[in-house]
Amino acid sequence: TLTYAFPARPNDLGQLVTCHAHLNLDGLVVHSSSAPMPLS
């Protein structure tokens, strides 16, 4: 579980945020990502 906080900005409204997981195995890359979530 990764938790991260960052300052809110006026133009953040409606921006989409996503989370990505990468396994970098000596050249073999396995990638997975989350569904996007809007900032509000």
Full PDB file with SEQRES, HELIX, SHEET, SSBOND, CRYST1, ORIGX, SCALE, CONECT and MASTER records, all heavy atoms in Angstrom:
SEQRES   1 A   40  THR LEU THR TYR ALA PHE PRO ALA ARG PRO ASN ASP LEU          
SEQRES   2 A   40  GLY GLN LEU VAL THR CYS HIS ALA HIS LEU ASN LEU ASP          
SEQRES   3 A   40  GLY LEU VAL VAL HIS SER SER SER ALA PRO MET PRO LEU          
SEQRES   4 A   40  SER                                                          
HELIX    1 AA1 PRO A   10  ASP A   12  5                                   3    
SHEET    1 AA1 2 LEU A  16  VAL A  17  0                                        
SHEET    2 AA1 2 MET A  37  PRO A  38 -1                                        
SHEET    1 AA2 2 HIS A  20  LEU A  25  0                                        
SHEET    2 AA2 2 LEU A  28  SER A  33 -1                                        
CRYST1    1.000    1.000    1.000  90.00  90.00  90.00 P 1           1          
ORIGX1      1.000000  0.000000  0.000000        0.00000                         
ORIGX2      0.000000  1.000000  0.000000        0.00000                         
ORIGX3      0.000000  0.000000  1.000000        0.00000                         
SCALE1      1.000000  0.000000  0.000000        0.00000                         
SCALE2      0.000000  1.000000  0.000000        0.00000                         
SCALE3      0.000000  0.000000  1.000000        0.00000                         
ATOM      1  N   THR A   1       0.848  -1.189   0.000  1.00  0.00           N  
ATOM      2  CA  THR A   1       0.000   0.000   0.000  1.00  0.00           C  
ATOM      3  C   THR A   1       0.885   1.241   0.000  1.00  0.00           C  
ATOM      4  O   THR A   1       1.766   1.383   0.852  1.00  0.00           O  
ATOM      5  CB  THR A   1      -0.925   0.029   1.227  1.00  0.00           C  
ATOM      6  OG1 THR A   1      -1.796  -1.106   1.183  1.00  0.00           O  
ATOM      7  CG2 THR A   1      -1.764   1.297   1.248  1.00  0.00           C  
ATOM      8  N   LEU A   2       0.660   2.108  -0.963  1.00  0.00           N  
ATOM      9  CA  LEU A   2       1.414   3.354  -1.081  1.00  0.00           C  
ATOM     10  C   LEU A   2       0.473   4.518  -0.816  1.00  0.00           C  
ATOM     11  O   LEU A   2      -0.580   4.627  -1.439  1.00  0.00           O  
ATOM     12  CB  LEU A   2       2.037   3.481  -2.472  1.00  0.00           C  
ATOM     13  CG  LEU A   2       2.760   4.791  -2.776  1.00  0.00           C  
ATOM     14  CD1 LEU A   2       4.015   4.927  -1.918  1.00  0.00           C  
ATOM     15  CD2 LEU A   2       3.111   4.885  -4.251  1.00  0.00           C  
ATOM     16  N   THR A   3       0.863   5.417   0.133  1.00  0.00           N  
ATOM     17  CA  THR A   3       0.076   6.612   0.447  1.00  0.00           C  
ATOM     18  C   THR A   3       0.907   7.848   0.146  1.00  0.00           C  
ATOM     19  O   THR A   3       2.079   7.929   0.536  1.00  0.00           O  
ATOM     20  CB  THR A   3      -0.345   6.616   1.933  1.00  0.00           C  
ATOM     21  OG1 THR A   3      -1.104   5.424   2.209  1.00  0.00           O  
ATOM     22  CG2 THR A   3      -1.195   7.828   2.258  1.00  0.00           C  
ATOM     23  N   TYR A   4       0.280   8.795  -0.554  1.00  0.00           N  
ATOM     24  CA  TYR A   4       1.014  10.001  -0.928  1.00  0.00           C  
ATOM     25  C   TYR A   4       0.062  11.194  -0.866  1.00  0.00           C  
ATOM     26  O   TYR A   4      -1.082  11.126  -1.327  1.00  0.00           O  
ATOM     27  CB  TYR A   4       1.580   9.862  -2.339  1.00  0.00           C  
ATOM     28  CG  TYR A   4       2.301  11.078  -2.839  1.00  0.00           C  
ATOM     29  CD1 TYR A   4       3.519  11.464  -2.300  1.00  0.00           C  
ATOM     30  CD2 TYR A   4       1.754  11.853  -3.869  1.00  0.00           C  
ATOM     31  CE1 TYR A   4       4.189  12.590  -2.761  1.00  0.00           C  
ATOM     32  CE2 TYR A   4       2.416  12.971  -4.342  1.00  0.00           C  
ATOM     33  CZ  TYR A   4       3.633  13.338  -3.784  1.00  0.00           C  
ATOM     34  OH  TYR A   4       4.286  14.450  -4.241  1.00  0.00           O  
ATOM     35  N   ALA A   5       0.559  12.289  -0.265  1.00  0.00           N  
ATOM     36  CA  ALA A   5      -0.216  13.529  -0.173  1.00  0.00           C  
ATOM     37  C   ALA A   5       0.504  14.634  -0.933  1.00  0.00           C  
ATOM     38  O   ALA A   5       1.739  14.726  -0.894  1.00  0.00           O  
ATOM     39  CB  ALA A   5      -0.410  13.918   1.291  1.00  0.00           C  
ATOM     40  N   PHE A   6      -0.268  15.487  -1.615  1.00  0.00           N  
ATOM     41  CA  PHE A   6       0.323  16.591  -2.368  1.00  0.00           C  
ATOM     42  C   PHE A   6      -0.625  17.785  -2.317  1.00  0.00           C  
ATOM     43  O   PHE A   6      -1.842  17.634  -2.136  1.00  0.00           O  
ATOM     44  CB  PHE A   6       0.594  16.180  -3.820  1.00  0.00           C  
ATOM     45  CG  PHE A   6      -0.610  15.772  -4.599  1.00  0.00           C  
ATOM     46  CD1 PHE A   6      -1.265  16.665  -5.437  1.00  0.00           C  
ATOM     47  CD2 PHE A   6      -1.117  14.475  -4.499  1.00  0.00           C  
ATOM     48  CE1 PHE A   6      -2.377  16.289  -6.163  1.00  0.00           C  
ATOM     49  CE2 PHE A   6      -2.226  14.090  -5.224  1.00  0.00           C  
ATOM     50  CZ  PHE A   6      -2.866  14.996  -6.055  1.00  0.00           C  
ATOM     51  N   PRO A   7      -0.080  19.011  -2.463  1.00  0.00           N  
ATOM     52  CA  PRO A   7      -0.908  20.217  -2.345  1.00  0.00           C  
ATOM     53  C   PRO A   7      -1.990  20.278  -3.415  1.00  0.00           C  
ATOM     54  O   PRO A   7      -1.769  19.927  -4.570  1.00  0.00           O  
ATOM     55  CB  PRO A   7       0.107  21.363  -2.517  1.00  0.00           C  
ATOM     56  CG  PRO A   7       1.435  20.749  -2.227  1.00  0.00           C  
ATOM     57  CD  PRO A   7       1.338  19.327  -2.669  1.00  0.00           C  
ATOM     58  N   ALA A   8      -3.168  20.724  -3.003  1.00  0.00           N  
ATOM     59  CA  ALA A   8      -4.279  20.904  -3.952  1.00  0.00           C  
ATOM     60  C   ALA A   8      -4.090  22.209  -4.708  1.00  0.00           C  
ATOM     61  O   ALA A   8      -3.618  23.208  -4.160  1.00  0.00           O  
ATOM     62  CB  ALA A   8      -5.596  20.901  -3.198  1.00  0.00           C  
ATOM     63  N   ARG A   9      -4.475  22.202  -5.992  1.00  0.00           N  
ATOM     64  CA  ARG A   9      -4.387  23.384  -6.832  1.00  0.00           C  
ATOM     65  C   ARG A   9      -5.760  23.650  -7.452  1.00  0.00           C  
ATOM     66  O   ARG A   9      -6.546  22.719  -7.650  1.00  0.00           O  
ATOM     67  CB  ARG A   9      -3.351  23.183  -7.936  1.00  0.00           C  
ATOM     68  CG  ARG A   9      -1.960  22.798  -7.445  1.00  0.00           C  
ATOM     69  CD  ARG A   9      -1.025  22.594  -8.614  1.00  0.00           C  
ATOM     70  NE  ARG A   9      -1.584  21.674  -9.610  1.00  0.00           N  
ATOM     71  CZ  ARG A   9      -0.944  21.319 -10.730  1.00  0.00           C  
ATOM     72  NH1 ARG A   9       0.259  21.811 -10.989  1.00  0.00           N  
ATOM     73  NH2 ARG A   9      -1.517  20.492 -11.581  1.00  0.00           N  
ATOM     74  N   PRO A  10      -6.043  24.897  -7.762  1.00  0.00           N  
ATOM     75  CA  PRO A  10      -7.365  25.214  -8.340  1.00  0.00           C  
ATOM     76  C   PRO A  10      -7.652  24.445  -9.627  1.00  0.00           C  
ATOM     77  O   PRO A  10      -8.804  24.069  -9.877  1.00  0.00           O  
ATOM     78  CB  PRO A  10      -7.277  26.727  -8.601  1.00  0.00           C  
ATOM     79  CG  PRO A  10      -6.257  27.214  -7.628  1.00  0.00           C  
ATOM     80  CD  PRO A  10      -5.257  26.115  -7.494  1.00  0.00           C  
ATOM     81  N   ASN A  11      -6.608  24.212 -10.443  1.00  0.00           N  
ATOM     82  CA  ASN A  11      -6.848  23.522 -11.721  1.00  0.00           C  
ATOM     83  C   ASN A  11      -6.837  22.008 -11.575  1.00  0.00           C  
ATOM     84  O   ASN A  11      -6.832  21.284 -12.571  1.00  0.00           O  
ATOM     85  CB  ASN A  11      -5.818  23.946 -12.766  1.00  0.00           C  
ATOM     86  CG  ASN A  11      -4.389  23.651 -12.325  1.00  0.00           C  
ATOM     87  OD1 ASN A  11      -4.164  23.319 -11.173  1.00  0.00           O  
ATOM     88  ND2 ASN A  11      -3.444  23.781 -13.242  1.00  0.00           N  
ATOM     89  N   ASP A  12      -6.796  21.485 -10.338  1.00  0.00           N  
ATOM     90  CA  ASP A  12      -6.859  20.037 -10.130  1.00  0.00           C  
ATOM     91  C   ASP A  12      -8.261  19.479 -10.358  1.00  0.00           C  
ATOM     92  O   ASP A  12      -8.426  18.276 -10.564  1.00  0.00           O  
ATOM     93  CB  ASP A  12      -6.420  19.677  -8.701  1.00  0.00           C  
ATOM     94  CG  ASP A  12      -4.906  19.717  -8.542  1.00  0.00           C  
ATOM     95  OD1 ASP A  12      -4.203  19.664  -9.567  1.00  0.00           O  
ATOM     96  OD2 ASP A  12      -4.438  19.789  -7.391  1.00  0.00           O  
ATOM     97  N   LEU A  13      -9.270  20.348 -10.281  1.00  0.00           N  
ATOM     98  CA  LEU A  13     -10.652  19.886 -10.390  1.00  0.00           C  
ATOM     99  C   LEU A  13     -10.871  19.149 -11.704  1.00  0.00           C  
ATOM    100  O   LEU A  13     -10.652  19.695 -12.793  1.00  0.00           O  
ATOM    101  CB  LEU A  13     -11.611  21.072 -10.274  1.00  0.00           C  
ATOM    102  CG  LEU A  13     -13.109  20.722 -10.292  1.00  0.00           C  
ATOM    103  CD1 LEU A  13     -13.451  19.848  -9.092  1.00  0.00           C  
ATOM    104  CD2 LEU A  13     -13.961  21.984 -10.307  1.00  0.00           C  
ATOM    105  N   GLY A  14     -11.261  17.883 -11.618  1.00  0.00           N  
ATOM    106  CA  GLY A  14     -11.538  17.074 -12.796  1.00  0.00           C  
ATOM    107  C   GLY A  14     -10.328  16.343 -13.347  1.00  0.00           C  
ATOM    108  O   GLY A  14     -10.472  15.506 -14.244  1.00  0.00           O  
ATOM    109  N   GLN A  15      -9.124  16.635 -12.833  1.00  0.00           N  
ATOM    110  CA  GLN A  15      -7.922  15.920 -13.293  1.00  0.00           C  
ATOM    111  C   GLN A  15      -8.004  14.448 -12.889  1.00  0.00           C  
ATOM    112  O   GLN A  15      -8.467  14.098 -11.803  1.00  0.00           O  
ATOM    113  CB  GLN A  15      -6.666  16.544 -12.670  1.00  0.00           C  
ATOM    114  CG  GLN A  15      -6.297  17.896 -13.231  1.00  0.00           C  
ATOM    115  CD  GLN A  15      -5.434  17.774 -14.475  1.00  0.00           C  
ATOM    116  OE1 GLN A  15      -4.989  16.685 -14.845  1.00  0.00           O  
ATOM    117  NE2 GLN A  15      -5.225  18.890 -15.141  1.00  0.00           N  
ATOM    118  N   LEU A  16      -7.547  13.567 -13.772  1.00  0.00           N  
ATOM    119  CA  LEU A  16      -7.563  12.132 -13.486  1.00  0.00           C  
ATOM    120  C   LEU A  16      -6.215  11.697 -12.908  1.00  0.00           C  
ATOM    121  O   LEU A  16      -5.152  12.084 -13.416  1.00  0.00           O  
ATOM    122  CB  LEU A  16      -7.862  11.340 -14.762  1.00  0.00           C  
ATOM    123  CG  LEU A  16      -9.238  11.555 -15.387  1.00  0.00           C  
ATOM    124  CD1 LEU A  16      -9.368  10.738 -16.673  1.00  0.00           C  
ATOM    125  CD2 LEU A  16     -10.347  11.201 -14.405  1.00  0.00           C  
ATOM    126  N   VAL A  17      -6.266  10.891 -11.866  1.00  0.00           N  
ATOM    127  CA  VAL A  17      -5.056  10.335 -11.271  1.00  0.00           C  
ATOM    128  C   VAL A  17      -5.103   8.811 -11.417  1.00  0.00           C  
ATOM    129  O   VAL A  17      -6.181   8.196 -11.359  1.00  0.00           O  
ATOM    130  CB  VAL A  17      -4.907  10.729  -9.785  1.00  0.00           C  
ATOM    131  CG1 VAL A  17      -4.561  12.192  -9.652  1.00  0.00           C  
ATOM    132  CG2 VAL A  17      -6.166  10.393  -9.007  1.00  0.00           C  
ATOM    133  N   THR A  18      -3.936   8.201 -11.621  1.00  0.00           N  
ATOM    134  CA  THR A  18      -3.834   6.748 -11.789  1.00  0.00           C  
ATOM    135  C   THR A  18      -2.641   6.224 -11.002  1.00  0.00           C  
ATOM    136  O   THR A  18      -1.695   6.969 -10.700  1.00  0.00           O  
ATOM    137  CB  THR A  18      -3.669   6.357 -13.273  1.00  0.00           C  
ATOM    138  OG1 THR A  18      -2.589   7.102 -13.835  1.00  0.00           O  
ATOM    139  CG2 THR A  18      -4.937   6.616 -14.055  1.00  0.00           C  
ATOM    140  N   CYS A  19      -2.674   4.927 -10.727  1.00  0.00           N  
ATOM    141  CA  CYS A  19      -1.569   4.251 -10.029  1.00  0.00           C  
ATOM    142  C   CYS A  19      -1.048   3.141 -10.936  1.00  0.00           C  
ATOM    143  O   CYS A  19      -1.829   2.378 -11.528  1.00  0.00           O  
ATOM    144  CB  CYS A  19      -2.059   3.668  -8.699  1.00  0.00           C  
ATOM    145  SG  CYS A  19      -0.777   2.792  -7.772  1.00  0.00           S  
ATOM    146  N   HIS A  20       0.290   3.053 -11.047  1.00  0.00           N  
ATOM    147  CA  HIS A  20       0.925   2.079 -11.938  1.00  0.00           C  
ATOM    148  C   HIS A  20       1.950   1.258 -11.161  1.00  0.00           C  
ATOM    149  O   HIS A  20       2.724   1.792 -10.368  1.00  0.00           O  
ATOM    150  CB  HIS A  20       1.621   2.784 -13.102  1.00  0.00           C  
ATOM    151  CG  HIS A  20       0.705   3.657 -13.899  1.00  0.00           C  
ATOM    152  ND1 HIS A  20       0.117   3.243 -15.074  1.00  0.00           N  
ATOM    153  CD2 HIS A  20       0.253   4.921 -13.663  1.00  0.00           C  
ATOM    154  CE1 HIS A  20      -0.647   4.212 -15.546  1.00  0.00           C  
ATOM    155  NE2 HIS A  20      -0.580   5.237 -14.712  1.00  0.00           N  
ATOM    156  N   ALA A  21       1.954  -0.059 -11.402  1.00  0.00           N  
ATOM    157  CA  ALA A  21       2.909  -0.970 -10.774  1.00  0.00           C  
ATOM    158  C   ALA A  21       3.770  -1.607 -11.848  1.00  0.00           C  
ATOM    159  O   ALA A  21       3.257  -2.175 -12.813  1.00  0.00           O  
ATOM    160  CB  ALA A  21       2.173  -2.046  -9.968  1.00  0.00           C  
ATOM    161  N   HIS A  22       5.098  -1.506 -11.689  1.00  0.00           N  
ATOM    162  CA  HIS A  22       6.045  -2.084 -12.645  1.00  0.00           C  
ATOM    163  C   HIS A  22       6.957  -3.071 -11.920  1.00  0.00           C  
ATOM    164  O   HIS A  22       7.548  -2.737 -10.894  1.00  0.00           O  
ATOM    165  CB  HIS A  22       6.923  -0.994 -13.278  1.00  0.00           C  
ATOM    166  CG  HIS A  22       6.198  -0.074 -14.196  1.00  0.00           C  
ATOM    167  ND1 HIS A  22       5.475   1.015 -13.753  1.00  0.00           N  
ATOM    168  CD2 HIS A  22       6.074  -0.078 -15.552  1.00  0.00           C  
ATOM    169  CE1 HIS A  22       4.949   1.646 -14.789  1.00  0.00           C  
ATOM    170  NE2 HIS A  22       5.296   1.007 -15.889  1.00  0.00           N  
ATOM    171  N   LEU A  23       7.056  -4.279 -12.477  1.00  0.00           N  
ATOM    172  CA  LEU A  23       8.090  -5.228 -12.067  1.00  0.00           C  
ATOM    173  C   LEU A  23       9.168  -5.211 -13.141  1.00  0.00           C  
ATOM    174  O   LEU A  23       8.924  -5.616 -14.281  1.00  0.00           O  
ATOM    175  CB  LEU A  23       7.527  -6.652 -11.922  1.00  0.00           C  
ATOM    176  CG  LEU A  23       6.877  -7.042 -10.599  1.00  0.00           C  
ATOM    177  CD1 LEU A  23       6.322  -8.460 -10.699  1.00  0.00           C  
ATOM    178  CD2 LEU A  23       7.858  -6.950  -9.448  1.00  0.00           C  
ATOM    179  N   ASN A  24      10.357  -4.723 -12.786  1.00  0.00           N  
ATOM    180  CA  ASN A  24      11.462  -4.667 -13.743  1.00  0.00           C  
ATOM    181  C   ASN A  24      12.423  -5.790 -13.414  1.00  0.00           C  
ATOM    182  O   ASN A  24      13.261  -5.676 -12.514  1.00  0.00           O  
ATOM    183  CB  ASN A  24      12.160  -3.310 -13.671  1.00  0.00           C  
ATOM    184  CG  ASN A  24      13.098  -3.107 -14.839  1.00  0.00           C  
ATOM    185  OD1 ASN A  24      13.436  -4.060 -15.552  1.00  0.00           O  
ATOM    186  ND2 ASN A  24      13.538  -1.882 -15.045  1.00  0.00           N  
ATOM    187  N   LEU A  25      12.324  -6.903 -14.165  1.00  0.00           N  
ATOM    188  CA  LEU A  25      13.057  -8.127 -13.855  1.00  0.00           C  
ATOM    189  C   LEU A  25      14.200  -8.323 -14.851  1.00  0.00           C  
ATOM    190  O   LEU A  25      14.130  -9.172 -15.737  1.00  0.00           O  
ATOM    191  CB  LEU A  25      12.102  -9.322 -13.870  1.00  0.00           C  
ATOM    192  CG  LEU A  25      10.888  -9.185 -12.945  1.00  0.00           C  
ATOM    193  CD1 LEU A  25       9.886 -10.296 -13.211  1.00  0.00           C  
ATOM    194  CD2 LEU A  25      11.315  -9.204 -11.485  1.00  0.00           C  
ATOM    195  N   ASP A  26      15.249  -7.523 -14.691  1.00  0.00           N  
ATOM    196  CA  ASP A  26      16.431  -7.647 -15.557  1.00  0.00           C  
ATOM    197  C   ASP A  26      16.057  -7.620 -17.038  1.00  0.00           C  
ATOM    198  O   ASP A  26      16.481  -8.472 -17.819  1.00  0.00           O  
ATOM    199  CB  ASP A  26      17.211  -8.926 -15.229  1.00  0.00           C  
ATOM    200  CG  ASP A  26      17.782  -8.907 -13.833  1.00  0.00           C  
ATOM    201  OD1 ASP A  26      17.947  -7.801 -13.298  1.00  0.00           O  
ATOM    202  OD2 ASP A  26      18.058  -9.982 -13.286  1.00  0.00           O  
ATOM    203  N   GLY A  27      15.235  -6.656 -17.417  1.00  0.00           N  
ATOM    204  CA  GLY A  27      14.833  -6.521 -18.814  1.00  0.00           C  
ATOM    205  C   GLY A  27      13.416  -6.966 -19.100  1.00  0.00           C  
ATOM    206  O   GLY A  27      12.793  -6.491 -20.047  1.00  0.00           O  
ATOM    207  N   LEU A  28      12.894  -7.889 -18.289  1.00  0.00           N  
ATOM    208  CA  LEU A  28      11.494  -8.298 -18.418  1.00  0.00           C  
ATOM    209  C   LEU A  28      10.643  -7.368 -17.563  1.00  0.00           C  
ATOM    210  O   LEU A  28      10.818  -7.300 -16.344  1.00  0.00           O  
ATOM    211  CB  LEU A  28      11.319  -9.746 -17.954  1.00  0.00           C  
ATOM    212  CG  LEU A  28       9.873 -10.256 -17.839  1.00  0.00           C  
ATOM    213  CD1 LEU A  28       9.208 -10.282 -19.205  1.00  0.00           C  
ATOM    214  CD2 LEU A  28       9.838 -11.637 -17.195  1.00  0.00           C  
ATOM    215  N   VAL A  29       9.731  -6.619 -18.194  1.00  0.00           N  
ATOM    216  CA  VAL A  29       8.913  -5.637 -17.492  1.00  0.00           C  
ATOM    217  C   VAL A  29       7.464  -6.116 -17.465  1.00  0.00           C  
ATOM    218  O   VAL A  29       6.873  -6.409 -18.508  1.00  0.00           O  
ATOM    219  CB  VAL A  29       9.003  -4.253 -18.159  1.00  0.00           C  
ATOM    220  CG1 VAL A  29       8.102  -3.254 -17.435  1.00  0.00           C  
ATOM    221  CG2 VAL A  29      10.451  -3.762 -18.164  1.00  0.00           C  
ATOM    222  N   VAL A  30       6.904  -6.202 -16.257  1.00  0.00           N  
ATOM    223  CA  VAL A  30       5.497  -6.567 -16.068  1.00  0.00           C  
ATOM    224  C   VAL A  30       4.780  -5.330 -15.539  1.00  0.00           C  
ATOM    225  O   VAL A  30       5.170  -4.774 -14.503  1.00  0.00           O  
ATOM    226  CB  VAL A  30       5.355  -7.740 -15.081  1.00  0.00           C  
ATOM    227  CG1 VAL A  30       3.886  -8.109 -14.914  1.00  0.00           C  
ATOM    228  CG2 VAL A  30       6.154  -8.943 -15.566  1.00  0.00           C  
ATOM    229  N   HIS A  31       3.743  -4.888 -16.230  1.00  0.00           N  
ATOM    230  CA  HIS A  31       3.081  -3.621 -15.902  1.00  0.00           C  
ATOM    231  C   HIS A  31       1.602  -3.841 -15.632  1.00  0.00           C  
ATOM    232  O   HIS A  31       0.932  -4.583 -16.346  1.00  0.00           O  
ATOM    233  CB  HIS A  31       3.245  -2.620 -17.058  1.00  0.00           C  
ATOM    234  CG  HIS A  31       2.471  -1.362 -16.873  1.00  0.00           C  
ATOM    235  ND1 HIS A  31       1.253  -1.138 -17.487  1.00  0.00           N  
ATOM    236  CD2 HIS A  31       2.722  -0.260 -16.122  1.00  0.00           C  
ATOM    237  CE1 HIS A  31       0.801   0.045 -17.130  1.00  0.00           C  
ATOM    238  NE2 HIS A  31       1.656   0.597 -16.307  1.00  0.00           N  
ATOM    239  N   SER A  32       1.110  -3.190 -14.567  1.00  0.00           N  
ATOM    240  CA  SER A  32      -0.320  -3.182 -14.259  1.00  0.00           C  
ATOM    241  C   SER A  32      -0.688  -1.781 -13.798  1.00  0.00           C  
ATOM    242  O   SER A  32       0.143  -1.066 -13.221  1.00  0.00           O  
ATOM    243  CB  SER A  32      -0.671  -4.199 -13.169  1.00  0.00           C  
ATOM    244  OG  SER A  32      -0.361  -5.512 -13.584  1.00  0.00           O  
ATOM    245  N   SER A  33      -1.950  -1.389 -14.026  1.00  0.00           N  
ATOM    246  CA  SER A  33      -2.367  -0.042 -13.627  1.00  0.00           C  
ATOM    247  C   SER A  33      -3.797  -0.075 -13.093  1.00  0.00           C  
ATOM    248  O   SER A  33      -4.564  -1.013 -13.349  1.00  0.00           O  
ATOM    249  CB  SER A  33      -2.266   0.939 -14.801  1.00  0.00           C  
ATOM    250  OG  SER A  33      -3.066   0.499 -15.876  1.00  0.00           O  
ATOM    251  N   SER A  34      -4.139   0.972 -12.362  1.00  0.00           N  
ATOM    252  CA  SER A  34      -5.461   1.076 -11.757  1.00  0.00           C  
ATOM    253  C   SER A  34      -6.420   1.789 -12.695  1.00  0.00           C  
ATOM    254  O   SER A  34      -6.015   2.369 -13.716  1.00  0.00           O  
ATOM    255  CB  SER A  34      -5.366   1.858 -10.446  1.00  0.00           C  
ATOM    256  OG  SER A  34      -5.071   3.231 -10.732  1.00  0.00           O  
ATOM    257  N   ALA A  35      -7.689   1.779 -12.331  1.00  0.00           N  
ATOM    258  CA  ALA A  35      -8.672   2.609 -13.031  1.00  0.00           C  
ATOM    259  C   ALA A  35      -8.442   4.066 -12.619  1.00  0.00           C  
ATOM    260  O   ALA A  35      -8.030   4.345 -11.492  1.00  0.00           O  
ATOM    261  CB  ALA A  35     -10.079   2.172 -12.661  1.00  0.00           C  
ATOM    262  N   PRO A  36      -8.666   5.013 -13.522  1.00  0.00           N  
ATOM    263  CA  PRO A  36      -8.452   6.433 -13.180  1.00  0.00           C  
ATOM    264  C   PRO A  36      -9.496   6.938 -12.189  1.00  0.00           C  
ATOM    265  O   PRO A  36     -10.647   6.503 -12.193  1.00  0.00           O  
ATOM    266  CB  PRO A  36      -8.565   7.148 -14.528  1.00  0.00           C  
ATOM    267  CG  PRO A  36      -9.389   6.233 -15.378  1.00  0.00           C  
ATOM    268  CD  PRO A  36      -9.086   4.846 -14.930  1.00  0.00           C  
ATOM    269  N   MET A  37      -9.068   7.889 -11.343  1.00  0.00           N  
ATOM    270  CA  MET A  37      -9.948   8.530 -10.374  1.00  0.00           C  
ATOM    271  C   MET A  37      -9.846  10.040 -10.525  1.00  0.00           C  
ATOM    272  O   MET A  37      -8.742  10.573 -10.662  1.00  0.00           O  
ATOM    273  CB  MET A  37      -9.558   8.129  -8.944  1.00  0.00           C  
ATOM    274  CG  MET A  37      -9.889   6.699  -8.594  1.00  0.00           C  
ATOM    275  SD  MET A  37     -11.681   6.497  -8.398  1.00  0.00           S  
ATOM    276  CE  MET A  37     -11.761   4.725  -8.128  1.00  0.00           C  
ATOM    277  N   PRO A  38     -10.983  10.763 -10.515  1.00  0.00           N  
ATOM    278  CA  PRO A  38     -10.925  12.227 -10.678  1.00  0.00           C  
ATOM    279  C   PRO A  38     -10.639  12.922  -9.348  1.00  0.00           C  
ATOM    280  O   PRO A  38     -11.061  12.481  -8.278  1.00  0.00           O  
ATOM    281  CB  PRO A  38     -12.324  12.569 -11.187  1.00  0.00           C  
ATOM    282  CG  PRO A  38     -13.205  11.510 -10.598  1.00  0.00           C  
ATOM    283  CD  PRO A  38     -12.369  10.267 -10.517  1.00  0.00           C  
ATOM    284  N   LEU A  39      -9.898  14.034  -9.436  1.00  0.00           N  
ATOM    285  CA  LEU A  39      -9.701  14.896  -8.277  1.00  0.00           C  
ATOM    286  C   LEU A  39     -10.904  15.828  -8.167  1.00  0.00           C  
ATOM    287  O   LEU A  39     -11.432  16.309  -9.162  1.00  0.00           O  
ATOM    288  CB  LEU A  39      -8.425  15.717  -8.424  1.00  0.00           C  
ATOM    289  CG  LEU A  39      -7.106  14.944  -8.404  1.00  0.00           C  
ATOM    290  CD1 LEU A  39      -5.950  15.870  -8.735  1.00  0.00           C  
ATOM    291  CD2 LEU A  39      -6.891  14.274  -7.063  1.00  0.00           C  
ATOM    292  N   SER A  40     -11.353  16.097  -6.927  1.00  0.00           N  
ATOM    293  CA  SER A  40     -12.517  16.944  -6.719  1.00  0.00           C  
ATOM    294  C   SER A  40     -12.369  17.688  -5.406  1.00  0.00           C  
ATOM    295  O   SER A  40     -11.852  17.161  -4.423  1.00  0.00           O  
ATOM    296  CB  SER A  40     -13.802  16.099  -6.713  1.00  0.00           C  
ATOM    297  OG  SER A  40     -14.902  16.894  -6.331  1.00  0.00           O  
TER     298      SER A  40                                                      
MASTER        0    0    0    1    4    0    0    6  297    1    0    4          
END                                                                             
